[in-house]
Amino acid sequence: MEYQNFTFPDYIYEFLDVSGSLYTPDYFVDIVGNSSNYQNINYNLLAYLVETISGKTYEDYLNEYIFNPFGVNNSRFNHTDYPVDSLAKVYFLDGSENLYEEPNYTSIGQGAGGLISAAMDMTYFLGAHMNGGEFQGVRILNTTSIGLMHSPQISAYEGFGWALDFPGYVSSTILDGYIGTGYGVRNYMLCSPIENIGVVLFMNMFDFRYYGQNKDVFIYIFEEAMKLNDIIQIPELTTISTTLLLRSIISLVIILLKRKKG
């Protein structure tokens, strides 16, 4: 696993310091302020700043100020903090495209990724982004922060830690949010401000050779959610009801894929 012999935040120094074992001038291609390019290390550094300023671990900070206010607490960085039987298995493809199971692992990429979470936790987080920083009476982001995240900063399509447009997904609407990739996993957290629909999808098998197929599954689920938009917007339906409804759609996708394969 990449950087498996390092720990957070020590590997930040190894990466950024000219004497570090992970340092290479190839990563520093321009003068500061001249151009922009996404790098995980930038978000790792932000997570370290959160720890330094708050005096809390990044994980504790996330739980205290983002997840716990919603009454959910299933987000950790270390896989050993979970009972083994509660973790989804992670699958990968070898060079011959044979599917095999990988051991559970912990990523050191805090800030840029590595969070082991539950769909419900991220559903509340996405809901807050869709509602000006507040969801179901709980505010986790002030209006200034949510405004900066959801307005062009680096480019017309990039806010602070939030992508403002994902072209080529659902043709009838604009999607914003974020998509993440890890070793054997692919996660989508996208919403349509126009349709007022958001979908969180966790996949426990990913390989870039099947990038299109993973994307197609998300598109199918999002388009089905759009068809159900009138039902989802009924006030009596709760977030849990909506999530269960979408889980049914996901189950249908899995069944269809298994039948197609067979």
Protein backbone atom coordinates (compact mmCIF):
# COMPACT_ATOMS: atom_id res chain seq x y z
CA MET A 1 0.00 0.00 0.00
CA GLU A 2 1.29 3.48 -0.85
CA TYR A 3 3.23 5.10 2.01
CA GLN A 4 2.36 2.18 4.31
CA ASN A 5 5.55 2.62 6.32
CA PHE A 6 4.67 6.19 7.29
CA THR A 7 2.22 7.69 9.76
CA PHE A 8 0.20 10.90 9.81
CA PRO A 9 1.40 13.64 10.05
CA ASP A 10 5.06 12.57 9.84
CA TYR A 11 4.86 11.72 6.18
CA ILE A 12 3.90 15.36 5.38
CA TYR A 13 7.41 16.38 6.39
CA GLU A 14 8.88 13.51 4.39
CA PHE A 15 6.96 14.74 1.36
CA LEU A 16 7.47 18.52 1.60
CA ASP A 17 10.92 18.90 3.17
CA VAL A 18 13.79 18.86 0.67
CA SER A 19 15.59 16.33 2.87
CA GLY A 20 12.52 14.09 3.17
CA SER A 21 12.54 10.54 1.84
CA LEU A 22 9.42 11.22 -0.27
CA TYR A 23 10.51 14.60 -1.60
CA THR A 24 10.99 15.14 -5.33
CA PRO A 25 11.24 18.45 -7.22
CA ASP A 26 8.97 16.96 -9.90
CA TYR A 27 5.95 17.82 -7.73
CA PHE A 28 6.86 21.50 -7.64
CA VAL A 29 6.41 22.60 -11.23
CA ASP A 30 5.62 26.30 -10.94
CA ILE A 31 6.03 29.43 -8.84
CA VAL A 32 3.49 29.81 -6.03
CA GLY A 33 0.48 31.80 -7.26
CA ASN A 34 1.06 31.17 -10.97
CA SER A 35 -1.12 28.09 -11.43
CA SER A 36 -3.16 25.49 -9.58
CA ASN A 37 -3.10 21.72 -9.55
CA TYR A 38 -4.87 19.32 -7.21
CA GLN A 39 -2.55 17.45 -4.85
CA ASN A 40 -3.61 15.29 -1.90
CA ILE A 41 -0.74 16.63 0.16
CA ASN A 42 -2.39 20.06 0.28
CA TYR A 43 -5.42 18.61 2.05
CA ASN A 44 -3.21 16.50 4.29
CA LEU A 45 -1.55 19.75 5.35
CA LEU A 46 -4.95 21.36 5.99
CA ALA A 47 -5.92 18.44 8.23
CA TYR A 48 -2.68 18.92 10.16
CA LEU A 49 -3.48 22.62 10.57
CA VAL A 50 -6.89 21.68 12.00
CA GLU A 51 -5.13 19.47 14.55
CA THR A 52 -2.57 22.13 15.42
CA ILE A 53 -5.08 24.97 15.83
CA SER A 54 -7.84 23.00 17.57
CA GLY A 55 -5.64 20.85 19.77
CA LYS A 56 -7.71 17.81 18.75
CA THR A 57 -6.98 14.97 16.41
CA TYR A 58 -8.49 15.48 12.98
CA GLU A 59 -10.76 12.48 13.53
CA ASP A 60 -12.04 13.82 16.85
CA TYR A 61 -12.63 17.23 15.29
CA LEU A 62 -14.72 15.76 12.47
CA ASN A 63 -16.83 13.74 14.85
CA GLU A 64 -17.32 16.54 17.38
CA TYR A 65 -18.26 19.28 14.91
CA ILE A 66 -19.71 17.44 11.90
CA PHE A 67 -21.04 13.97 12.64
CA ASN A 68 -21.97 13.89 16.33
CA PRO A 69 -24.32 16.92 16.06
CA PHE A 70 -26.44 14.77 13.73
CA GLY A 71 -26.43 11.86 16.15
CA VAL A 72 -24.24 9.65 13.96
CA ASN A 73 -20.84 8.32 14.92
CA ASN A 74 -19.60 5.83 12.36
CA SER A 75 -16.65 7.68 10.86
CA ARG A 76 -13.10 6.68 11.74
CA PHE A 77 -9.71 6.57 10.02
CA ASN A 78 -8.37 3.39 11.61
CA HIS A 79 -10.09 0.21 10.47
CA THR A 80 -9.18 -1.52 13.74
CA ASP A 81 -11.64 0.78 15.56
CA TYR A 82 -14.49 -1.17 13.97
CA PRO A 83 -15.64 -4.75 14.61
CA VAL A 84 -14.38 -6.84 11.70
CA ASP A 85 -17.85 -8.03 10.75
CA SER A 86 -19.10 -4.43 10.43
CA LEU A 87 -16.66 -3.51 7.65
CA ALA A 88 -17.44 -4.02 3.99
CA LYS A 89 -14.95 -6.28 2.27
CA VAL A 90 -12.70 -4.59 -0.29
CA TYR A 91 -12.21 -6.23 -3.68
CA PHE A 92 -9.66 -5.66 -6.38
CA LEU A 93 -8.72 -6.99 -9.81
CA ASP A 94 -5.34 -8.52 -10.59
CA GLY A 95 -3.54 -8.19 -13.91
CA SER A 96 -5.67 -10.93 -15.41
CA GLU A 97 -8.84 -9.23 -14.14
CA ASN A 98 -9.52 -11.91 -11.55
CA LEU A 99 -11.50 -10.58 -8.61
CA TYR A 100 -9.90 -11.09 -5.22
CA GLU A 101 -10.45 -9.86 -1.69
CA GLU A 102 -7.97 -7.49 -0.09
CA PRO A 103 -7.40 -7.24 3.67
CA ASN A 104 -8.97 -4.25 5.42
CA TYR A 105 -6.52 -1.39 5.63
CA THR A 106 -5.99 2.07 7.13
CA SER A 107 -4.96 5.00 4.95
CA ILE A 108 -2.77 7.83 6.25
CA GLY A 109 -4.25 10.32 3.80
CA GLN A 110 -6.25 12.27 6.36
CA GLY A 111 -7.72 15.44 4.94
CA ALA A 112 -7.59 14.11 1.39
CA GLY A 113 -9.32 10.80 2.11
CA GLY A 114 -9.03 7.63 4.13
CA LEU A 115 -12.20 8.16 6.17
CA ILE A 116 -14.02 4.89 6.84
CA SER A 117 -17.63 5.94 7.16
CA ALA A 118 -21.26 4.93 6.75
CA ALA A 119 -23.63 6.11 4.06
CA MET A 120 -25.94 7.66 6.66
CA ASP A 121 -23.15 9.81 8.14
CA MET A 122 -22.32 11.19 4.72
CA THR A 123 -26.01 11.64 3.87
CA TYR A 124 -26.34 14.17 6.70
CA PHE A 125 -23.13 15.89 5.60
CA LEU A 126 -24.36 16.18 2.01
CA GLY A 127 -27.75 17.38 3.23
CA ALA A 128 -26.07 20.26 5.06
CA HIS A 129 -24.23 21.23 1.89
CA MET A 130 -27.52 21.24 0.00
CA ASN A 131 -29.22 23.42 2.60
CA GLY A 132 -26.83 26.30 3.23
CA GLY A 133 -24.80 24.53 5.91
CA GLU A 134 -27.76 23.31 7.98
CA PHE A 135 -29.74 20.07 7.86
CA GLN A 136 -32.69 18.95 9.99
CA GLY A 137 -32.15 21.86 12.38
CA VAL A 138 -28.43 21.18 12.86
CA ARG A 139 -25.92 23.71 11.53
CA ILE A 140 -22.36 22.51 10.88
CA LEU A 141 -21.18 25.22 8.46
CA ASN A 142 -21.71 28.96 8.75
CA THR A 143 -23.01 30.92 5.78
CA THR A 144 -19.58 32.40 4.97
CA SER A 145 -17.91 28.99 4.82
CA ILE A 146 -20.64 27.37 2.75
CA GLY A 147 -20.59 30.37 0.40
CA LEU A 148 -16.84 30.07 -0.20
CA MET A 149 -17.02 26.32 -0.71
CA HIS A 150 -19.85 26.60 -3.23
CA SER A 151 -18.60 29.55 -5.29
CA PRO A 152 -15.78 29.66 -7.88
CA GLN A 153 -12.37 30.01 -6.27
CA ILE A 154 -9.64 28.21 -8.19
CA SER A 155 -11.65 28.08 -11.42
CA ALA A 156 -15.24 28.39 -12.57
CA TYR A 157 -15.74 24.75 -11.59
CA GLU A 158 -13.89 24.58 -8.27
CA GLY A 159 -14.82 25.97 -4.88
CA PHE A 160 -12.90 25.35 -1.67
CA GLY A 161 -12.88 21.55 -1.32
CA TRP A 162 -16.04 21.28 -3.42
CA ALA A 163 -16.41 20.66 -7.16
CA LEU A 164 -19.08 22.80 -8.78
CA ASP A 165 -19.78 20.80 -11.91
CA PHE A 166 -19.37 17.19 -13.07
CA PRO A 167 -20.04 17.22 -16.82
CA GLY A 168 -20.90 14.00 -18.59
CA TYR A 169 -22.86 12.46 -15.72
CA VAL A 170 -26.55 13.38 -15.80
CA SER A 171 -27.25 15.40 -18.94
CA SER A 172 -30.44 17.04 -17.67
CA THR A 173 -28.90 18.72 -14.61
CA ILE A 174 -25.66 20.03 -13.13
CA LEU A 175 -24.06 18.00 -10.33
CA ASP A 176 -21.71 19.27 -7.67
CA GLY A 177 -20.02 17.60 -4.71
CA TYR A 178 -17.10 15.24 -4.65
CA ILE A 179 -15.92 11.86 -5.93
CA GLY A 180 -13.22 9.86 -4.16
CA THR A 181 -11.10 6.86 -5.08
CA GLY A 182 -9.09 4.59 -2.82
CA TYR A 183 -7.50 1.18 -3.07
CA GLY A 184 -10.42 -1.00 -4.16
CA VAL A 185 -13.08 1.62 -3.37
CA ARG A 186 -14.98 4.32 -5.25
CA ASN A 187 -17.27 6.82 -3.53
CA TYR A 188 -19.73 9.36 -4.89
CA MET A 189 -21.29 12.25 -2.98
CA LEU A 190 -23.05 14.39 -5.56
CA CYS A 191 -26.13 16.55 -5.60
CA SER A 192 -28.18 18.61 -8.01
CA PRO A 193 -28.96 22.10 -6.66
CA ILE A 194 -31.57 22.43 -9.43
CA GLU A 195 -33.44 19.20 -8.66
CA ASN A 196 -32.68 19.29 -4.92
CA ILE A 197 -31.52 15.68 -5.02
CA GLY A 198 -28.40 14.20 -3.49
CA VAL A 199 -26.99 10.69 -3.68
CA VAL A 200 -24.26 9.09 -1.58
CA LEU A 201 -22.90 5.88 -3.06
CA PHE A 202 -20.09 3.76 -1.63
CA MET A 203 -18.56 1.03 -3.82
CA ASN A 204 -16.23 -1.61 -2.38
CA MET A 205 -14.73 -2.68 -5.72
CA PHE A 206 -12.95 -0.31 -8.08
CA ASP A 207 -10.43 -0.60 -10.85
CA PHE A 208 -9.67 2.12 -13.40
CA ARG A 209 -10.17 -0.42 -16.17
CA TYR A 210 -13.85 -0.38 -15.22
CA TYR A 211 -14.14 3.33 -14.53
CA GLY A 212 -17.03 3.65 -16.98
CA GLN A 213 -19.03 0.83 -15.42
CA ASN A 214 -18.74 2.34 -11.93
CA LYS A 215 -19.85 5.69 -13.30
CA ASP A 216 -22.80 4.09 -15.10
CA VAL A 217 -24.04 2.56 -11.83
CA PHE A 218 -24.03 5.97 -10.16
CA ILE A 219 -25.78 7.60 -13.11
CA TYR A 220 -28.46 4.91 -13.06
CA ILE A 221 -29.11 5.45 -9.35
CA PHE A 222 -29.18 9.24 -9.67
CA GLU A 223 -31.58 9.13 -12.62
CA GLU A 224 -33.87 6.77 -10.70
CA ALA A 225 -33.76 9.22 -7.78
CA MET A 226 -34.81 11.99 -10.15
CA LYS A 227 -37.81 9.91 -11.23
CA LEU A 228 -38.74 9.55 -7.56
CA ASN A 229 -38.26 13.24 -6.87
CA ASP A 230 -41.95 13.92 -6.26
CA ILE A 231 -42.06 11.16 -3.62
CA ILE A 232 -38.80 12.21 -1.96
CA GLN A 233 -40.01 15.79 -1.53
CA ILE A 234 -43.09 14.77 0.49
CA PRO A 235 -42.46 16.40 3.93
CA GLU A 236 -43.55 13.29 5.85
CA LEU A 237 -40.70 11.26 4.40
CA THR A 238 -37.56 11.36 6.52
CA THR A 239 -33.95 11.15 5.45
CA ILE A 240 -33.90 7.54 6.63
CA SER A 241 -36.92 6.71 4.47
CA THR A 242 -35.25 8.29 1.46
CA THR A 243 -32.00 6.44 2.16
CA LEU A 244 -33.81 3.12 2.42
CA LEU A 245 -35.56 3.89 -0.84
CA LEU A 246 -32.24 4.46 -2.57
CA ARG A 247 -30.78 1.33 -0.97
CA SER A 248 -33.57 -0.61 -2.68
CA ILE A 249 -32.47 0.89 -5.98
CA ILE A 250 -28.85 -0.08 -5.29
CA SER A 251 -29.95 -3.65 -4.50
CA LEU A 252 -31.77 -3.73 -7.82
CA VAL A 253 -28.61 -2.62 -9.62
CA ILE A 254 -26.59 -5.37 -7.94
CA ILE A 255 -29.17 -8.00 -8.89
CA LEU A 256 -29.22 -6.80 -12.49
CA LEU A 257 -25.45 -6.86 -12.71
CA LYS A 258 -25.29 -10.39 -11.31
CA ARG A 259 -27.91 -11.58 -13.78
CA LYS A 260 -26.09 -9.94 -16.67
CA LYS A 261 -22.82 -11.55 -15.62
CA GLY A 262 -24.44 -14.96 -15.29
